[in-house]
Protein backbone atom coordinates (compact mmCIF):
# COMPACT_ATOMS: atom_id res chain seq x y z
CA UNK A 1 -44.96 20.41 -53.60
CA UNK A 2 -43.48 23.03 -51.29
CA UNK A 3 -40.22 24.60 -52.38
CA UNK A 4 -37.53 24.58 -49.73
CA UNK A 5 -35.18 27.61 -49.57
CA UNK A 6 -32.17 25.46 -50.49
CA UNK A 7 -33.98 24.11 -53.55
CA UNK A 8 -34.94 27.60 -54.70
CA UNK A 9 -31.37 28.82 -54.14
CA UNK A 10 -30.05 25.90 -56.21
CA UNK A 11 -32.54 26.65 -59.00
CA UNK A 12 -31.40 30.29 -59.08
CA UNK A 13 -27.77 29.12 -59.28
CA UNK A 14 -28.59 26.65 -62.08
CA UNK A 15 -30.33 29.37 -64.06
CA UNK A 16 -27.39 31.70 -63.52
CA UNK A 17 -24.99 28.99 -64.68
CA UNK A 18 -27.12 28.29 -67.78
CA UNK A 19 -27.21 32.01 -68.59
CA UNK A 20 -23.47 32.38 -68.08
CA UNK A 21 -22.69 29.54 -70.50
CA UNK A 22 -25.22 30.67 -73.12
CA UNK A 23 -24.11 34.30 -72.89
CA UNK A 24 -20.45 33.34 -73.23
CA UNK A 25 -21.28 31.38 -76.41
CA UNK A 26 -23.41 34.24 -77.80
CA UNK A 27 -20.76 36.90 -77.15
CA UNK A 28 -17.76 34.88 -78.40
CA UNK A 29 -18.30 35.73 -82.11
CA UNK A 30 -18.02 39.41 -81.13
CA UNK A 31 -14.67 38.75 -79.45
CA UNK A 32 -16.14 39.58 -76.04
CA UNK A 33 -16.17 37.70 -72.78
CA UNK A 34 -19.17 38.05 -70.52
CA UNK A 35 -17.31 40.28 -68.07
CA UNK A 36 -16.09 42.51 -70.93
CA UNK A 37 -19.63 42.91 -72.26
CA UNK A 38 -20.89 43.55 -68.73
CA UNK A 39 -18.27 46.30 -68.39
CA UNK A 40 -19.44 47.89 -71.64
CA UNK A 41 -23.06 47.66 -70.44
CA UNK A 42 -22.28 49.31 -67.11
CA UNK A 43 -20.22 52.06 -68.76
CA UNK A 44 -23.12 52.74 -71.12
CA UNK A 45 -25.36 53.22 -68.06
CA UNK A 46 -22.71 54.94 -65.90
CA UNK A 47 -20.38 57.07 -68.04
CA UNK A 48 -17.26 58.26 -66.21
CA UNK A 49 -17.51 55.46 -63.64
CA UNK A 50 -14.47 54.87 -61.47
CA UNK A 51 -12.44 51.69 -61.50
CA UNK A 52 -13.77 50.75 -58.08
CA UNK A 53 -17.40 51.33 -59.06
CA UNK A 54 -16.98 49.19 -62.18
CA UNK A 55 -15.24 46.47 -60.17
CA UNK A 56 -18.21 46.32 -57.79
CA UNK A 57 -20.76 46.35 -60.61
CA UNK A 58 -18.99 43.49 -62.43
CA UNK A 59 -18.28 41.40 -59.31
CA UNK A 60 -14.51 41.85 -59.63
CA UNK A 61 -11.79 42.96 -57.24
CA UNK A 62 -10.26 46.37 -57.94
CA UNK A 63 -7.01 44.68 -58.97
CA UNK A 64 -8.60 42.22 -61.40
CA UNK A 65 -10.82 44.92 -62.86
CA UNK A 66 -7.78 47.17 -63.31
CA UNK A 67 -6.14 44.46 -65.44
CA UNK A 68 -9.35 43.97 -67.41
CA UNK A 69 -9.75 47.72 -67.99
CA UNK A 70 -6.17 47.96 -69.26
CA UNK A 71 -6.77 45.15 -71.75
CA UNK A 72 -10.05 46.70 -72.88
CA UNK A 73 -8.38 50.10 -73.32
CA UNK A 74 -5.60 48.45 -75.35
CA UNK A 75 -8.30 46.98 -77.64
CA UNK A 76 -9.86 50.42 -78.06
CA UNK A 77 -13.12 49.50 -76.31
CA UNK A 78 -12.87 51.96 -73.42
CA UNK A 79 -10.95 55.08 -72.53
CA UNK A 80 -9.29 55.69 -69.18
CA UNK A 81 -9.39 59.38 -68.31
CA UNK A 82 -7.68 60.98 -65.31
CA UNK A 83 -10.17 62.23 -62.75
CA UNK A 84 -9.72 64.29 -59.61
CA UNK A 85 -6.77 63.21 -57.46
CA UNK A 86 -5.73 59.66 -58.24
CA UNK A 87 -9.14 58.67 -59.60
CA UNK A 88 -9.47 57.32 -63.11
CA UNK A 89 -12.73 57.63 -65.01
CA UNK A 90 -13.78 55.25 -67.76
CA UNK A 91 -15.78 55.86 -70.92
CA UNK A 92 -16.89 53.83 -73.90
CA UNK A 93 -15.21 54.44 -77.23
CA UNK A 94 -17.21 54.33 -80.47
CA UNK A 95 -15.92 50.78 -81.02
CA UNK A 96 -16.92 49.82 -77.47
CA UNK A 97 -20.40 51.26 -77.93
CA UNK A 98 -20.83 49.37 -81.21
CA UNK A 99 -19.84 46.06 -79.58
CA UNK A 100 -22.04 46.80 -76.56
CA UNK A 101 -25.07 47.28 -78.83
CA UNK A 102 -24.31 44.10 -80.81
CA UNK A 103 -23.76 42.23 -77.56
CA UNK A 104 -27.06 43.53 -76.20
CA UNK A 105 -28.89 41.93 -79.11
CA UNK A 106 -27.18 38.60 -78.40
CA UNK A 107 -27.91 38.86 -74.67
CA UNK A 108 -31.56 39.74 -75.27
CA UNK A 109 -31.93 36.67 -77.49
CA UNK A 110 -30.50 34.39 -74.79
CA UNK A 111 -32.80 35.80 -72.11
CA UNK A 112 -35.85 35.67 -74.40
CA UNK A 113 -35.24 31.97 -75.00
CA UNK A 114 -34.63 31.35 -71.33
CA UNK A 115 -37.86 33.00 -70.17
CA UNK A 116 -40.12 32.12 -73.11
CA UNK A 117 -42.02 29.60 -70.96
CA UNK A 118 -43.17 32.41 -68.64
CA UNK A 119 -46.09 34.66 -69.42
CA UNK A 120 -45.38 38.39 -69.06
CA UNK A 121 -47.31 38.33 -65.76
CA UNK A 122 -45.24 35.41 -64.42
CA UNK A 123 -41.99 37.04 -65.52
CA UNK A 124 -43.04 40.21 -63.71
CA UNK A 125 -43.96 38.15 -60.65
CA UNK A 126 -40.58 36.39 -60.71
CA UNK A 127 -38.82 39.75 -60.93
CA UNK A 128 -40.83 41.06 -57.99
CA UNK A 129 -40.10 37.95 -55.92
CA UNK A 130 -36.36 38.21 -56.64
CA UNK A 131 -36.40 41.94 -55.79
CA UNK A 132 -38.10 41.08 -52.50
CA UNK A 133 -35.59 38.33 -51.71
CA UNK A 134 -32.66 40.61 -52.55
CA UNK A 135 -34.13 43.39 -50.43
CA UNK A 136 -34.23 41.04 -47.45
CA UNK A 137 -30.44 40.52 -47.58
CA UNK A 138 -28.48 43.58 -46.43
CA UNK A 139 -25.27 42.16 -47.96
CA UNK A 140 -26.73 42.08 -51.49
């Protein structure tokens, strides 16, 4: 059976939706939403990231990410540090790093379950195919 582009796109969306729901359930006991954990993950990889950069990385608008960052700073998960000019840099706190690491374990467990049916070679092939598809779209 040939896969039509629309069918493949729908399958990608269904998998994303399944992951989103499972990740939200897995992170809830830590008191984290998916977007909060994603922020911690990106700050771990990109210390001193700007508000705009974090908004882009987490698929948020600058305004909505600004509100999220304020709430996360109030909880002691991140620090907001003045940068050059009007820029604000963001960093993980010790508490934020601890929750990021705990969240990573929960996230890894969800993804392991999700992709258990794939051999390592098929998982690698899927990753390569998705990279290729994303590379073909200049808006990605």
